[in-house]
Amino acid sequence: MSKGSDNIHPIFKDLLDREYKEEFLKQRAVALWFTGLSGSGKSTVAKGLEKRMFESGYFVQVLDGDNIRSGLNNNLGFGEDDRKENIRRIAEVSKLFVQSGIITLNTFVSPTREIRSLAARTIGTDDFCEIYINAPVEVCEDRDVKGLYKKARAGEITNFTGIQSPFEAPEQPQLEIRTDQLSIEESIDKVFNYILPKIELK
C-alpha cells in the first residue's frame, strides 16, 4: 500500500447496484480479453465486434493498446515491470466499466500467462473471457500493419513480442480465433455468436 492509502475509502457500497444498471442497459456486462501477437487481428476483430454489438442494441467500450498507451499509460515503457503495470491499470479500468454494466473489449498483446491471470483476478474470473486471436508470427509479420516487426528486426524496437520476447499462448482460452484461416467477418461472427448467450439477461 502506498503512503496515504489508509485515507482512501472506496465508495462502491454507496453506488447504484450493477444489476440495476445491467437491467437498464438490457445486457449482462463482461470483459472480453483479446490476446495475441501484434498483427494477429485483435483490434480489427474487436472494432468490428463493437459495431456489430452496438447495432444489435448492446453498449460496448473498446480498450486498445494504442489509445491506452497514448493517454492513461503514456508514462510506461515495455519492460517486464511496466508491462505488468500497464495490464494492471487496464484491468482496473475494465473492471469499472463492467461494474457500470458496460461490456468491455480489451485488445492487448499481454504476452504472458501471468499477466493475463493478473487481469482475470483484477476484473473477476466470472466476468473475464479470454479470447485468443491466433495467427502465426510469419503471418503477423507479413501483415505488419504498423511497421513494428520491421522496426524490431532493425533493432529500433527492443523487447518486441514475437521477435526478441516470447509469447505464451493461452492454454485454455474460452475461445480461439484463427485469423490466418478465417476472414475478418467470419472471425467477428464467431466471437459474436459465442458471447451472445453470456450477455443476454435471463
Protein backbone atom coordinates (compact mmCIF):
# COMPACT_ATOMS: atom_id res chain seq x y z
CA MET A 1 0.00 0.00 0.00
CA SER A 2 1.29 3.44 -0.85
CA LYS A 3 1.69 6.25 1.65
CA GLY A 4 -1.66 7.81 2.46
CA SER A 5 -3.63 4.75 1.33
CA ASP A 6 -5.21 4.48 4.80
CA ASN A 7 -7.16 7.61 3.89
CA ILE A 8 -8.70 6.05 0.76
CA HIS A 9 -12.21 4.66 1.17
CA PRO A 10 -13.83 3.00 -1.90
CA ILE A 11 -17.43 4.11 -2.39
CA PHE A 12 -18.76 1.07 -4.28
CA LYS A 13 -21.23 0.29 -1.49
CA ASP A 14 -22.84 3.71 -1.96
CA LEU A 15 -23.27 3.44 -5.74
CA LEU A 16 -26.22 2.09 -7.67
CA ASP A 17 -26.13 -1.68 -7.95
CA ARG A 18 -24.51 -3.17 -11.04
CA GLU A 19 -27.61 -5.31 -11.58
CA TYR A 20 -29.76 -2.17 -11.73
CA LYS A 21 -27.51 -0.72 -14.44
CA GLU A 22 -27.50 -4.00 -16.37
CA GLU A 23 -31.30 -4.06 -16.29
CA PHE A 24 -31.34 -0.50 -17.62
CA LEU A 25 -28.90 -1.38 -20.43
CA LYS A 26 -30.61 -4.74 -21.06
CA GLN A 27 -27.34 -6.65 -21.01
CA ARG A 28 -25.02 -8.54 -18.71
CA ALA A 29 -21.60 -6.90 -18.56
CA VAL A 30 -18.49 -8.95 -19.26
CA ALA A 31 -14.88 -8.21 -20.15
CA LEU A 32 -13.60 -9.86 -23.32
CA TRP A 33 -9.82 -10.06 -23.26
CA PHE A 34 -8.36 -10.40 -26.77
CA THR A 35 -4.77 -11.63 -26.60
CA GLY A 36 -2.37 -12.46 -29.41
CA LEU A 37 0.63 -11.21 -31.32
CA SER A 38 0.79 -7.77 -32.84
CA GLY A 39 -0.78 -8.07 -36.28
CA SER A 40 -2.91 -11.09 -35.38
CA GLY A 41 -6.10 -9.05 -35.80
CA LYS A 42 -7.11 -8.29 -32.20
CA SER A 43 -8.10 -4.67 -32.75
CA THR A 44 -9.68 -5.32 -36.14
CA VAL A 45 -11.91 -8.07 -34.74
CA ALA A 46 -12.75 -6.07 -31.61
CA LYS A 47 -13.70 -2.94 -33.57
CA GLY A 48 -15.85 -4.97 -35.92
CA LEU A 49 -17.44 -6.72 -32.97
CA GLU A 50 -18.12 -3.37 -31.28
CA LYS A 51 -20.04 -2.19 -34.34
CA ARG A 52 -21.96 -5.47 -34.61
CA MET A 53 -22.91 -5.43 -30.93
CA PHE A 54 -23.88 -1.75 -30.90
CA GLU A 55 -26.12 -2.26 -33.93
CA SER A 56 -27.68 -5.19 -32.04
CA GLY A 57 -28.54 -2.94 -29.09
CA TYR A 58 -25.60 -3.55 -26.76
CA PHE A 59 -23.49 -0.87 -25.08
CA VAL A 60 -19.80 -1.59 -25.58
CA GLN A 61 -16.42 0.06 -24.95
CA VAL A 62 -13.14 -0.91 -26.66
CA LEU A 63 -9.89 -0.54 -24.71
CA ASP A 64 -6.97 -0.77 -27.13
CA GLY A 65 -3.21 -0.67 -26.65
CA ASP A 66 -2.77 2.47 -28.72
CA ASN A 67 -5.45 4.59 -27.05
CA ILE A 68 -4.42 3.45 -23.57
CA ARG A 69 -0.69 3.97 -24.04
CA SER A 70 -1.20 7.37 -25.64
CA GLY A 71 -3.15 8.55 -22.59
CA LEU A 72 -3.59 6.74 -19.29
CA ASN A 73 -0.37 4.72 -19.57
CA ASN A 74 1.83 7.09 -21.56
CA ASN A 75 4.41 7.06 -18.75
CA LEU A 76 5.08 3.32 -19.08
CA GLY A 77 7.68 1.53 -21.17
CA PHE A 78 7.80 -2.06 -22.42
CA GLY A 79 9.98 -3.75 -19.81
CA GLU A 80 8.52 -6.56 -17.71
CA ASP A 81 7.53 -4.38 -14.74
CA ASP A 82 5.96 -1.70 -16.91
CA ARG A 83 4.04 -4.30 -18.90
CA LYS A 84 2.58 -5.70 -15.69
CA GLU A 85 1.62 -2.22 -14.52
CA ASN A 86 0.11 -1.49 -17.93
CA ILE A 87 -2.15 -4.53 -17.67
CA ARG A 88 -2.97 -3.87 -14.02
CA ARG A 89 -4.24 -0.38 -14.82
CA ILE A 90 -6.17 -1.58 -17.86
CA ALA A 91 -7.82 -4.34 -15.84
CA GLU A 92 -8.84 -1.86 -13.13
CA VAL A 93 -10.43 0.40 -15.76
CA SER A 94 -12.16 -2.56 -17.40
CA LYS A 95 -13.48 -3.63 -14.01
CA LEU A 96 -15.04 -0.19 -13.50
CA PHE A 97 -16.75 -0.41 -16.90
CA VAL A 98 -18.10 -3.87 -16.09
CA GLN A 99 -19.39 -2.68 -12.72
CA SER A 100 -21.21 0.04 -14.65
CA GLY A 101 -22.95 -2.58 -16.78
CA ILE A 102 -20.83 -1.92 -19.87
CA ILE A 103 -19.32 -4.72 -21.98
CA THR A 104 -15.60 -4.10 -22.48
CA LEU A 105 -13.47 -5.38 -25.34
CA ASN A 106 -9.82 -5.34 -24.28
CA THR A 107 -7.25 -5.79 -27.05
CA PHE A 108 -3.74 -6.23 -25.68
CA VAL A 109 -0.81 -8.48 -26.57
CA SER A 110 -0.48 -9.31 -22.84
CA PRO A 111 2.20 -11.88 -23.72
CA THR A 112 2.47 -13.97 -20.56
CA ARG A 113 0.02 -16.21 -18.76
CA GLU A 114 0.98 -14.45 -15.52
CA ILE A 115 -0.08 -11.06 -16.87
CA ARG A 116 -3.38 -12.41 -18.20
CA SER A 117 -4.02 -14.16 -14.89
CA LEU A 118 -3.47 -10.82 -13.15
CA ALA A 119 -6.08 -9.24 -15.43
CA ALA A 120 -8.56 -12.05 -14.74
CA ARG A 121 -8.12 -11.77 -10.97
CA THR A 122 -8.48 -8.00 -11.05
CA ILE A 123 -11.60 -7.97 -13.19
CA GLY A 124 -13.04 -11.11 -11.59
CA THR A 125 -12.88 -14.55 -13.17
CA ASP A 126 -16.69 -14.73 -13.56
CA ASP A 127 -16.60 -11.57 -15.70
CA PHE A 128 -13.43 -12.37 -17.64
CA CYS A 129 -13.43 -14.11 -21.02
CA GLU A 130 -10.06 -14.83 -22.64
CA ILE A 131 -10.15 -14.86 -26.44
CA TYR A 132 -7.00 -15.97 -28.24
CA ILE A 133 -6.60 -14.26 -31.60
CA ASN A 134 -4.19 -16.72 -33.11
CA ALA A 135 -2.05 -16.22 -36.20
CA PRO A 136 1.49 -17.49 -36.78
CA VAL A 137 4.23 -14.92 -36.31
CA GLU A 138 5.12 -15.28 -40.00
CA VAL A 139 1.60 -14.20 -40.97
CA CYS A 140 1.62 -11.32 -38.49
CA GLU A 141 5.00 -10.17 -39.73
CA ASP A 142 3.85 -10.38 -43.33
CA ARG A 143 0.89 -8.15 -42.47
CA ASP A 144 2.99 -5.77 -40.33
CA VAL A 145 0.18 -3.21 -40.43
CA LYS A 146 2.06 -0.78 -38.16
CA GLY A 147 5.59 -1.48 -39.38
CA LEU A 148 6.56 -2.75 -35.92
CA TYR A 149 8.13 -6.03 -37.00
CA LYS A 150 10.35 -4.21 -39.49
CA LYS A 151 11.50 -1.85 -36.73
CA ALA A 152 12.07 -4.75 -34.35
CA ARG A 153 14.16 -6.61 -36.94
CA ALA A 154 16.20 -3.43 -37.45
CA GLY A 155 16.78 -3.08 -33.70
CA GLU A 156 14.75 0.13 -33.48
CA ILE A 157 12.33 -1.57 -31.06
CA THR A 158 13.51 -3.82 -28.22
CA ASN A 159 11.59 -6.43 -26.22
CA PHE A 160 9.14 -6.82 -29.09
CA THR A 161 6.88 -9.83 -28.58
CA GLY A 162 7.37 -12.50 -31.22
CA ILE A 163 10.87 -11.29 -32.12
CA GLN A 164 13.01 -10.56 -29.03
CA SER A 165 10.41 -11.59 -26.42
CA PRO A 166 8.32 -14.76 -26.34
CA PHE A 167 4.53 -15.01 -26.43
CA GLU A 168 2.95 -17.57 -24.12
CA ALA A 169 -0.17 -18.83 -25.85
CA PRO A 170 -3.23 -19.37 -23.63
CA GLU A 171 -3.55 -22.96 -22.51
CA GLN A 172 -7.34 -22.96 -22.17
CA PRO A 173 -8.86 -19.83 -23.71
CA GLN A 174 -12.63 -19.60 -23.70
CA LEU A 175 -12.42 -19.05 -27.46
CA GLU A 176 -9.69 -19.27 -30.11
CA ILE A 177 -9.92 -17.47 -33.44
CA ARG A 178 -7.51 -18.43 -36.23
CA THR A 179 -7.35 -15.24 -38.29
CA ASP A 180 -4.98 -16.89 -40.75
CA GLN A 181 -7.80 -19.29 -41.62
CA LEU A 182 -10.92 -17.15 -41.18
CA SER A 183 -11.91 -13.86 -42.77
CA ILE A 184 -12.48 -10.84 -40.55
CA GLU A 185 -16.25 -11.19 -40.92
CA GLU A 186 -16.09 -14.90 -40.06
CA SER A 187 -13.94 -14.07 -37.01
CA ILE A 188 -16.39 -11.42 -35.84
CA ASP A 189 -19.32 -13.81 -36.37
CA LYS A 190 -17.60 -16.49 -34.30
CA VAL A 191 -16.98 -14.17 -31.34
CA PHE A 192 -20.45 -12.60 -31.55
CA ASN A 193 -22.22 -15.98 -31.61
CA TYR A 194 -20.08 -17.21 -28.72
CA ILE A 195 -20.61 -14.20 -26.48
CA LEU A 196 -24.29 -13.57 -27.16
CA PRO A 197 -25.64 -16.12 -24.63
CA LYS A 198 -23.30 -14.70 -21.97
CA ILE A 199 -24.51 -11.10 -22.26
CA GLU A 200 -28.23 -11.73 -22.60
CA LEU A 201 -30.14 -11.18 -19.38
CA LYS A 202 -32.01 -14.24 -18.15
